[in-house]
C-alpha atoms as a PDB file:
ATOM      1  CA  UNK A   1      94.944  21.555 -51.716  1.00  0.00           C
ATOM      2  CA  UNK A   2      91.399  21.568 -53.306  1.00  0.00           C
ATOM      3  CA  UNK A   3      91.387  25.456 -53.444  1.00  0.00           C
ATOM      4  CA  UNK A   4      95.077  25.594 -54.781  1.00  0.00           C
ATOM      5  CA  UNK A   5      94.137  23.055 -57.639  1.00  0.00           C
ATOM      6  CA  UNK A   6      91.463  25.348 -58.509  1.00  0.00           C
ATOM      7  CA  UNK A   7      93.179  28.369 -58.508  1.00  0.00           C
ATOM      8  CA  UNK A   8      95.855  26.278 -60.774  1.00  0.00           C
ATOM      9  CA  UNK A   9      92.996  25.000 -63.059  1.00  0.00           C
ATOM     10  CA  UNK A  10      91.705  28.770 -63.526  1.00  0.00           C
ATOM     11  CA  UNK A  11      94.751  30.222 -63.988  1.00  0.00           C
ATOM     12  CA  UNK A  12      95.450  27.788 -66.980  1.00  0.00           C
ATOM     13  CA  UNK A  13      93.127  29.264 -69.176  1.00  0.00           C
ATOM     14  CA  UNK A  14      93.172  31.374 -71.391  1.00  0.00           C
ATOM     15  CA  UNK A  15      90.538  34.724 -71.684  1.00  0.00           C
ATOM     16  CA  UNK A  16      88.435  33.454 -74.288  1.00  0.00           C
ATOM     17  CA  UNK A  17      87.655  30.119 -71.905  1.00  0.00           C
ATOM     18  CA  UNK A  18      87.375  32.059 -69.267  1.00  0.00           C
ATOM     19  CA  UNK A  19      84.941  34.297 -70.341  1.00  0.00           C
ATOM     20  CA  UNK A  20      83.217  31.583 -72.058  1.00  0.00           C
ATOM     21  CA  UNK A  21      83.465  29.625 -68.545  1.00  0.00           C
ATOM     22  CA  UNK A  22      81.703  33.135 -67.347  1.00  0.00           C
ATOM     23  CA  UNK A  23      78.678  33.187 -69.535  1.00  0.00           C
ATOM     24  CA  UNK A  24      77.721  29.188 -69.027  1.00  0.00           C
ATOM     25  CA  UNK A  25      77.938  29.500 -64.956  1.00  0.00           C
ATOM     26  CA  UNK A  26      75.562  32.639 -65.232  1.00  0.00           C
ATOM     27  CA  UNK A  27      73.313  31.225 -67.854  1.00  0.00           C
ATOM     28  CA  UNK A  28      72.679  27.778 -65.557  1.00  0.00           C
ATOM     29  CA  UNK A  29      72.017  29.792 -62.540  1.00  0.00           C
ATOM     30  CA  UNK A  30      69.203  31.949 -64.283  1.00  0.00           C
ATOM     31  CA  UNK A  31      65.879  29.602 -64.085  1.00  0.00           C
ATOM     32  CA  UNK A  32      63.930  30.359 -67.709  1.00  0.00           C
ATOM     33  CA  UNK A  33      60.713  32.364 -67.406  1.00  0.00           C
ATOM     34  CA  UNK A  34      57.671  30.019 -67.180  1.00  0.00           C
ATOM     35  CA  UNK A  35      56.093  30.731 -70.286  1.00  0.00           C
ATOM     36  CA  UNK A  36      52.415  32.397 -69.284  1.00  0.00           C
ATOM     37  CA  UNK A  37      49.164  29.333 -70.010  1.00  0.00           C
ATOM     38  CA  UNK A  38      46.569  31.454 -71.788  1.00  0.00           C
ATOM     39  CA  UNK A  39      43.278  30.068 -70.029  1.00  0.00           C
ATOM     40  CA  UNK A  40      40.340  30.425 -72.067  1.00  0.00           C
ATOM     41  CA  UNK A  41      37.042  30.491 -70.354  1.00  0.00           C
ATOM     42  CA  UNK A  42      34.781  27.732 -70.076  1.00  0.00           C
ATOM     43  CA  UNK A  43      32.207  27.452 -73.614  1.00  0.00           C
ATOM     44  CA  UNK A  44      28.816  28.201 -72.263  1.00  0.00           C
ATOM     45  CA  UNK A  45      26.724  25.502 -74.686  1.00  0.00           C
ATOM     46  CA  UNK A  46      23.352  26.483 -76.206  1.00  0.00           C
ATOM     47  CA  UNK A  47      20.456  26.036 -74.932  1.00  0.00           C
ATOM     48  CA  UNK A  48      16.954  25.770 -77.024  1.00  0.00           C
ATOM     49  CA  UNK A  49      15.727  28.062 -73.944  1.00  0.00           C
ATOM     50  CA  UNK A  50      17.776  30.967 -75.499  1.00  0.00           C
ATOM     51  CA  UNK A  51      16.792  30.854 -79.291  1.00  0.00           C
ATOM     52  CA  UNK A  52      13.362  33.077 -79.468  1.00  0.00           C
ATOM     53  CA  UNK A  53      11.711  33.388 -82.670  1.00  0.00           C
ATOM     54  CA  UNK A  54      10.804  36.782 -82.780  1.00  0.00           C
ATOM     55  CA  UNK A  55       8.861  36.721 -86.124  1.00  0.00           C
ATOM     56  CA  UNK A  56       7.784  35.201 -89.428  1.00  0.00           C
ATOM     57  CA  UNK A  57       6.919  37.267 -92.679  1.00  0.00           C
ATOM     58  CA  UNK A  58       5.886  36.091 -95.893  1.00  0.00           C
ATOM     59  CA  UNK A  59       7.629  36.829 -98.939  1.00  0.00           C
ATOM     60  CA  UNK A  60       6.295  36.761-102.428  1.00  0.00           C
ATOM     61  CA  UNK A  61       8.289  36.421-105.190  1.00  0.00           C
ATOM     62  CA  UNK A  62       8.561  39.572-107.768  1.00  0.00           C
ATOM     63  CA  UNK A  63       6.868  36.885-109.842  1.00  0.00           C
ATOM     64  CA  UNK A  64       4.292  35.442-107.736  1.00  0.00           C
ATOM     65  CA  UNK A  65       5.440  31.821-108.170  1.00  0.00           C
ATOM     66  CA  UNK A  66       5.850  30.871-104.642  1.00  0.00           C
ATOM     67  CA  UNK A  67       5.850  32.174-101.277  1.00  0.00           C
ATOM     68  CA  UNK A  68       9.327  32.209 -99.047  1.00  0.00           C
ATOM     69  CA  UNK A  69       8.577  32.905 -95.117  1.00  0.00           C
ATOM     70  CA  UNK A  70      11.529  34.905 -93.248  1.00  0.00           C
ATOM     71  CA  UNK A  71      12.152  34.095 -90.044  1.00  0.00           C
ATOM     72  CA  UNK A  72      13.988  35.952 -87.301  1.00  0.00           C
ATOM     73  CA  UNK A  73      15.734  34.282 -84.714  1.00  0.00           C
ATOM     74  CA  UNK A  74      17.769  35.737 -81.881  1.00  0.00           C
ATOM     75  CA  UNK A  75      19.856  34.232 -78.748  1.00  0.00           C
ATOM     76  CA  UNK A  76      18.705  36.335 -75.568  1.00  0.00           C
ATOM     77  CA  UNK A  77      21.873  35.136 -74.114  1.00  0.00           C
ATOM     78  CA  UNK A  78      24.558  36.487 -76.486  1.00  0.00           C
ATOM     79  CA  UNK A  79      22.387  38.908 -78.645  1.00  0.00           C
ATOM     80  CA  UNK A  80      22.939  37.737 -81.303  1.00  0.00           C
ATOM     81  CA  UNK A  81      20.237  37.571 -83.777  1.00  0.00           C
ATOM     82  CA  UNK A  82      19.831  36.161 -87.363  1.00  0.00           C
ATOM     83  CA  UNK A  83      17.326  36.102 -90.376  1.00  0.00           C
ATOM     84  CA  UNK A  84      16.254  32.807 -93.047  1.00  0.00           C
ATOM     85  CA  UNK A  85      13.757  32.144 -95.671  1.00  0.00           C
ATOM     86  CA  UNK A  86      12.414  29.002 -96.034  1.00  0.00           C
ATOM     87  CA  UNK A  87       9.518  27.799 -98.077  1.00  0.00           C
ATOM     88  CA  UNK A  88       6.113  25.810 -96.967  1.00  0.00           C
ATOM     89  CA  UNK A  89       8.300  22.372 -98.237  1.00  0.00           C
ATOM     90  CA  UNK A  90      11.090  23.120 -96.056  1.00  0.00           C
ATOM     91  CA  UNK A  91       8.446  23.359 -93.175  1.00  0.00           C
ATOM     92  CA  UNK A  92       7.185  20.062 -93.986  1.00  0.00           C
ATOM     93  CA  UNK A  93      10.458  18.156 -94.460  1.00  0.00           C
ATOM     94  CA  UNK A  94      11.040  19.525 -90.364  1.00  0.00           C
ATOM     95  CA  UNK A  95       8.277  18.025 -89.567  1.00  0.00           C
ATOM     96  CA  UNK A  96       9.291  14.615 -91.705  1.00  0.00           C
ATOM     97  CA  UNK A  97      12.667  14.534 -89.882  1.00  0.00           C
ATOM     98  CA  UNK A  98      10.890  14.771 -86.400  1.00  0.00           C
ATOM     99  CA  UNK A  99       8.906  11.656 -87.204  1.00  0.00           C
ATOM    100  CA  UNK A 100      11.534   9.849 -88.719  1.00  0.00           C
ATOM    101  CA  UNK A 101      14.097  10.302 -85.652  1.00  0.00           C
ATOM    102  CA  UNK A 102      10.688   9.175 -83.189  1.00  0.00           C
ATOM    103  CA  UNK A 103       9.982   6.349 -85.238  1.00  0.00           C
ATOM    104  CA  UNK A 104      11.486   3.987 -82.343  1.00  0.00           C
ATOM    105  CA  UNK A 105      10.661   5.602 -79.090  1.00  0.00           C
ATOM    106  CA  UNK A 106      12.692   3.926 -76.408  1.00  0.00           C
ATOM    107  CA  UNK A 107      11.706   5.522 -73.316  1.00  0.00           C
ATOM    108  CA  UNK A 108       8.691   7.416 -71.602  1.00  0.00           C
ATOM    109  CA  UNK A 109      10.042  10.553 -72.595  1.00  0.00           C
ATOM    110  CA  UNK A 110      10.276  10.223 -76.203  1.00  0.00           C
ATOM    111  CA  UNK A 111       7.144   9.076 -76.256  1.00  0.00           C
ATOM    112  CA  UNK A 112       5.299  11.903 -74.586  1.00  0.00           C
ATOM    113  CA  UNK A 113       7.193  14.219 -76.824  1.00  0.00           C
ATOM    114  CA  UNK A 114       6.715  13.425 -80.116  1.00  0.00           C
ATOM    115  CA  UNK A 115       2.955  12.944 -78.775  1.00  0.00           C
ATOM    116  CA  UNK A 116       3.566  16.516 -78.017  1.00  0.00           C
ATOM    117  CA  UNK A 117       4.682  17.248 -81.498  1.00  0.00           C
ATOM    118  CA  UNK A 118       2.223  15.683 -83.082  1.00  0.00           C
ATOM    119  CA  UNK A 119      -0.538  18.016 -81.684  1.00  0.00           C
ATOM    120  CA  UNK A 120       1.055  20.834 -83.504  1.00  0.00           C
ATOM    121  CA  UNK A 121       0.088  21.156 -87.042  1.00  0.00           C
ATOM    122  CA  UNK A 122       1.470  23.030 -90.347  1.00  0.00           C
ATOM    123  CA  UNK A 123      -0.857  25.263 -91.926  1.00  0.00           C
ATOM    124  CA  UNK A 124      -2.328  23.974 -95.125  1.00  0.00           C
ATOM    125  CA  UNK A 125      -0.307  24.208 -98.110  1.00  0.00           C
ATOM    126  CA  UNK A 126      -3.349  25.965-100.045  1.00  0.00           C
ATOM    127  CA  UNK A 127      -6.581  27.294 -98.610  1.00  0.00           C
ATOM    128  CA  UNK A 128      -9.965  26.067 -99.871  1.00  0.00           C
ATOM    129  CA  UNK A 129     -10.015  29.086-102.449  1.00  0.00           C
ATOM    130  CA  UNK A 130      -6.191  29.816-102.812  1.00  0.00           C
ATOM    131  CA  UNK A 131      -5.630  27.313-106.257  1.00  0.00           C
ATOM    132  CA  UNK A 132      -9.073  29.837-107.520  1.00  0.00           C
ATOM    133  CA  UNK A 133      -7.665  32.738-106.815  1.00  0.00           C
ATOM    134  CA  UNK A 134      -4.186  31.996-106.126  1.00  0.00           C
ATOM    135  CA  UNK A 135      -2.110  33.711-103.720  1.00  0.00           C
ATOM    136  CA  UNK A 136      -4.010  36.030-100.949  1.00  0.00           C
ATOM    137  CA  UNK A 137      -2.124  38.172 -98.566  1.00  0.00           C
ATOM    138  CA  UNK A 138      -4.079  37.380 -96.025  1.00  0.00           C
ATOM    139  CA  UNK A 139      -3.455  33.912 -96.328  1.00  0.00           C
ATOM    140  CA  UNK A 140       0.271  34.191 -96.324  1.00  0.00           C
ATOM    141  CA  UNK A 141      -0.028  35.969 -93.449  1.00  0.00           C
ATOM    142  CA  UNK A 142      -2.292  34.164 -91.303  1.00  0.00           C
ATOM    143  CA  UNK A 143       0.112  31.394 -92.597  1.00  0.00           C
ATOM    144  CA  UNK A 144       3.041  33.286 -91.245  1.00  0.00           C
ATOM    145  CA  UNK A 145       1.512  33.145 -88.037  1.00  0.00           C
ATOM    146  CA  UNK A 146       0.253  29.756 -87.555  1.00  0.00           C
ATOM    147  CA  UNK A 147       4.551  29.271 -88.685  1.00  0.00           C
ATOM    148  CA  UNK A 148       5.737  31.147 -85.950  1.00  0.00           C
ATOM    149  CA  UNK A 149       3.521  29.542 -83.260  1.00  0.00           C
ATOM    150  CA  UNK A 150       4.287  26.095 -84.342  1.00  0.00           C
ATOM    151  CA  UNK A 151       8.012  27.001 -84.067  1.00  0.00           C
ATOM    152  CA  UNK A 152       7.855  28.407 -80.187  1.00  0.00           C
ATOM    153  CA  UNK A 153       5.926  25.298 -79.289  1.00  0.00           C
ATOM    154  CA  UNK A 154       8.804  22.679 -80.915  1.00  0.00           C
ATOM    155  CA  UNK A 155      11.428  25.190 -78.692  1.00  0.00           C
ATOM    156  CA  UNK A 156       9.594  24.809 -76.059  1.00  0.00           C
ATOM    157  CA  UNK A 157       9.005  21.070 -76.120  1.00  0.00           C
ATOM    158  CA  UNK A 158      12.810  21.078 -77.157  1.00  0.00           C
ATOM    159  CA  UNK A 159      13.680  22.903 -74.029  1.00  0.00           C
ATOM    160  CA  UNK A 160      11.701  21.091 -71.334  1.00  0.00           C
ATOM    161  CA  UNK A 161      14.081  19.587 -68.594  1.00  0.00           C
ATOM    162  CA  UNK A 162      11.458  16.726 -68.459  1.00  0.00           C
ATOM    163  CA  UNK A 163      11.782  15.587 -71.971  1.00  0.00           C
ATOM    164  CA  UNK A 164      15.745  16.217 -72.436  1.00  0.00           C
ATOM    165  CA  UNK A 165      16.373  13.439 -69.923  1.00  0.00           C
ATOM    166  CA  UNK A 166      16.168  11.307 -72.939  1.00  0.00           C
ATOM    167  CA  UNK A 167      19.103  11.223 -75.251  1.00  0.00           C
ATOM    168  CA  UNK A 168      17.147  11.385 -78.879  1.00  0.00           C
ATOM    169  CA  UNK A 169      15.493  14.835 -77.330  1.00  0.00           C
ATOM    170  CA  UNK A 170      18.360  16.330 -76.291  1.00  0.00           C
ATOM    171  CA  UNK A 171      20.780  15.245 -79.018  1.00  0.00           C
ATOM    172  CA  UNK A 172      19.374  14.595 -82.018  1.00  0.00           C
ATOM    173  CA  UNK A 173      16.720  16.588 -82.212  1.00  0.00           C
ATOM    174  CA  UNK A 174      18.326  19.684 -81.177  1.00  0.00           C
ATOM    175  CA  UNK A 175      21.105  18.639 -83.984  1.00  0.00           C
ATOM    176  CA  UNK A 176      17.855  18.740 -86.342  1.00  0.00           C
ATOM    177  CA  UNK A 177      16.249  21.713 -85.271  1.00  0.00           C
ATOM    178  CA  UNK A 178      19.241  23.500 -84.973  1.00  0.00           C
ATOM    179  CA  UNK A 179      20.989  22.607 -88.335  1.00  0.00           C
ATOM    180  CA  UNK A 180      17.155  23.491 -90.093  1.00  0.00           C
ATOM    181  CA  UNK A 181      16.395  27.339 -88.790  1.00  0.00           C
ATOM    182  CA  UNK A 182      20.302  28.425 -87.923  1.00  0.00           C
ATOM    183  CA  UNK A 183      22.147  28.928 -90.803  1.00  0.00           C
ATOM    184  CA  UNK A 184      25.735  27.363 -90.560  1.00  0.00           C
ATOM    185  CA  UNK A 185      27.799  30.423 -89.524  1.00  0.00           C
ATOM    186  CA  UNK A 186      25.249  30.881 -87.225  1.00  0.00           C
ATOM    187  CA  UNK A 187      25.157  27.746 -85.899  1.00  0.00           C
ATOM    188  CA  UNK A 188      29.007  27.474 -85.364  1.00  0.00           C
ATOM    189  CA  UNK A 189      29.403  30.433 -83.382  1.00  0.00           C
ATOM    190  CA  UNK A 190      26.093  28.975 -81.219  1.00  0.00           C
ATOM    191  CA  UNK A 191      27.771  25.972 -81.084  1.00  0.00           C
ATOM    192  CA  UNK A 192      31.568  26.445 -81.136  1.00  0.00           C
ATOM    193  CA  UNK A 193      32.047  23.338 -83.067  1.00  0.00           C
ATOM    194  CA  UNK A 194      34.413  22.398 -86.147  1.00  0.00           C
ATOM    195  CA  UNK A 195      32.824  22.875 -89.189  1.00  0.00           C
ATOM    196  CA  UNK A 196      31.204  20.061 -90.513  1.00  0.00           C
ATOM    197  CA  UNK A 197      28.462  19.360 -92.972  1.00  0.00           C
ATOM    198  CA  UNK A 198      24.817  19.172 -91.384  1.00  0.00           C
ATOM    199  CA  UNK A 199      23.401  16.526 -91.701  1.00  0.00           C
ATOM    200  CA  UNK A 200      20.472  16.538 -94.121  1.00  0.00           C
ATOM    201  CA  UNK A 201      17.222  16.275 -93.443  1.00  0.00           C
ATOM    202  CA  UNK A 202      16.202  14.263 -96.294  1.00  0.00           C
ATOM    203  CA  UNK A 203      18.844  11.751 -95.867  1.00  0.00           C
ATOM    204  CA  UNK A 204      18.029  11.357 -92.415  1.00  0.00           C
ATOM    205  CA  UNK A 205      14.076  10.533 -93.532  1.00  0.00           C
ATOM    206  CA  UNK A 206      15.342   8.117 -96.297  1.00  0.00           C
ATOM    207  CA  UNK A 207      17.807   5.836 -93.852  1.00  0.00           C
ATOM    208  CA  UNK A 208      14.759   5.792 -91.398  1.00  0.00           C
ATOM    209  CA  UNK A 209      12.100   4.838 -94.255  1.00  0.00           C
ATOM    210  CA  UNK A 210       9.477   6.341 -91.767  1.00  0.00           C
ATOM    211  CA  UNK A 211       6.104   6.018 -92.673  1.00  0.00           C
ATOM    212  CA  UNK A 212       4.493   9.384 -92.265  1.00  0.00           C
ATOM    213  CA  UNK A 213       2.072   9.574 -89.290  1.00  0.00           C
ATOM    214  CA  UNK A 214      -1.344   9.996 -88.918  1.00  0.00           C
ATOM    215  CA  UNK A 215      -1.747  12.864 -87.225  1.00  0.00           C
ATOM    216  CA  UNK A 216      -4.837  14.286 -84.790  1.00  0.00           C
ATOM    217  CA  UNK A 217      -7.357  15.663 -87.115  1.00  0.00           C
ATOM    218  CA  UNK A 218      -8.759  19.312 -85.949  1.00  0.00           C
ATOM    219  CA  UNK A 219     -11.678  21.472 -87.294  1.00  0.00           C
ATOM    220  CA  UNK A 220      -9.723  24.779 -87.096  1.00  0.00           C
ATOM    221  CA  UNK A 221      -8.641  24.786 -90.558  1.00  0.00           C
ATOM    222  CA  UNK A 222     -11.680  24.287 -91.825  1.00  0.00           C
ATOM    223  CA  UNK A 223     -13.577  27.128 -89.334  1.00  0.00           C
ATOM    224  CA  UNK A 224     -10.726  29.191 -91.110  1.00  0.00           C
ATOM    225  CA  UNK A 225     -11.538  27.999 -94.438  1.00  0.00           C
ATOM    226  CA  UNK A 226     -15.553  28.915 -93.926  1.00  0.00           C
ATOM    227  CA  UNK A 227     -14.370  32.045 -93.081  1.00  0.00           C
ATOM    228  CA  UNK A 228     -12.422  33.023 -95.768  1.00  0.00           C
ATOM    229  CA  UNK A 229     -15.611  31.939 -97.782  1.00  0.00           C
ATOM    230  CA  UNK A 230     -17.581  34.109 -96.291  1.00  0.00           C
ATOM    231  CA  UNK A 231     -15.249  36.908 -97.040  1.00  0.00           C
ATOM    232  CA  UNK A 232     -14.642  36.492-100.272  1.00  0.00           C
ATOM    233  CA  UNK A 233     -18.727  35.716-100.561  1.00  0.00           C
ATOM    234  CA  UNK A 234     -19.030  39.329-102.336  1.00  0.00           C
ATOM    235  CA  UNK A 235     -16.258  39.792-104.373  1.00  0.00           C
ATOM    236  CA  UNK A 236     -17.439  35.743-106.075  1.00  0.00           C
ATOM    237  CA  UNK A 237     -21.246  37.543-106.845  1.00  0.00           C
ATOM    238  CA  UNK A 238     -19.396  40.691-108.069  1.00  0.00           C
ATOM    239  CA  UNK A 239     -17.335  38.237-110.663  1.00  0.00           C
ATOM    240  CA  UNK A 240     -20.108  36.386-111.877  1.00  0.00           C
ATOM    241  CA  UNK A 241     -22.513  39.390-112.545  1.00  0.00           C
END
């Protein structure tokens, strides 16, 4: 009887309703095609171990008003290369920003880290004779080489597994170093993060109100100044005569 009722019900349908019923049955029988999920490869965070300072070259302005230092850096892992220009005052700001971060140490790792950083010395802003004779090519080239050594040693300290156990080193120092030496576009490419304003080194130092740390004195700059004085002695005698 069920079969008879079924046939009778279908027979009473007109052509249009029958066609609609067939379409609905076909649609219900066909399972929807699952959407393909796009799986992005895992993003590898940048490490200071991959960053290298390739060169530091002095660049004197046409009117000789000041000197900038062109720093060429690279990410060895990705092959990305970039250059930035910084004046002496910016290197000094970086040093002061690091001092402010580690004003209050909280573990043995960061205590040893800041001691090692304090052993690093920036070259003097002016040599003994620079104030008299102005900028000399030998002075700026020597200062550029010393900046090169300074930045590379900072990188090595920041990349150390021992010191990166401290959150200040692995996070705050890491961010400060990258935002100072990497342009915003390159910084985003390395970090793979959304655009945001990098922290200001001056603002960090102002908030911390850090007292300038006394760095260990060294006689290497005095020795260099003595060499310069000996090299420039004949020139001075000629001018006096």
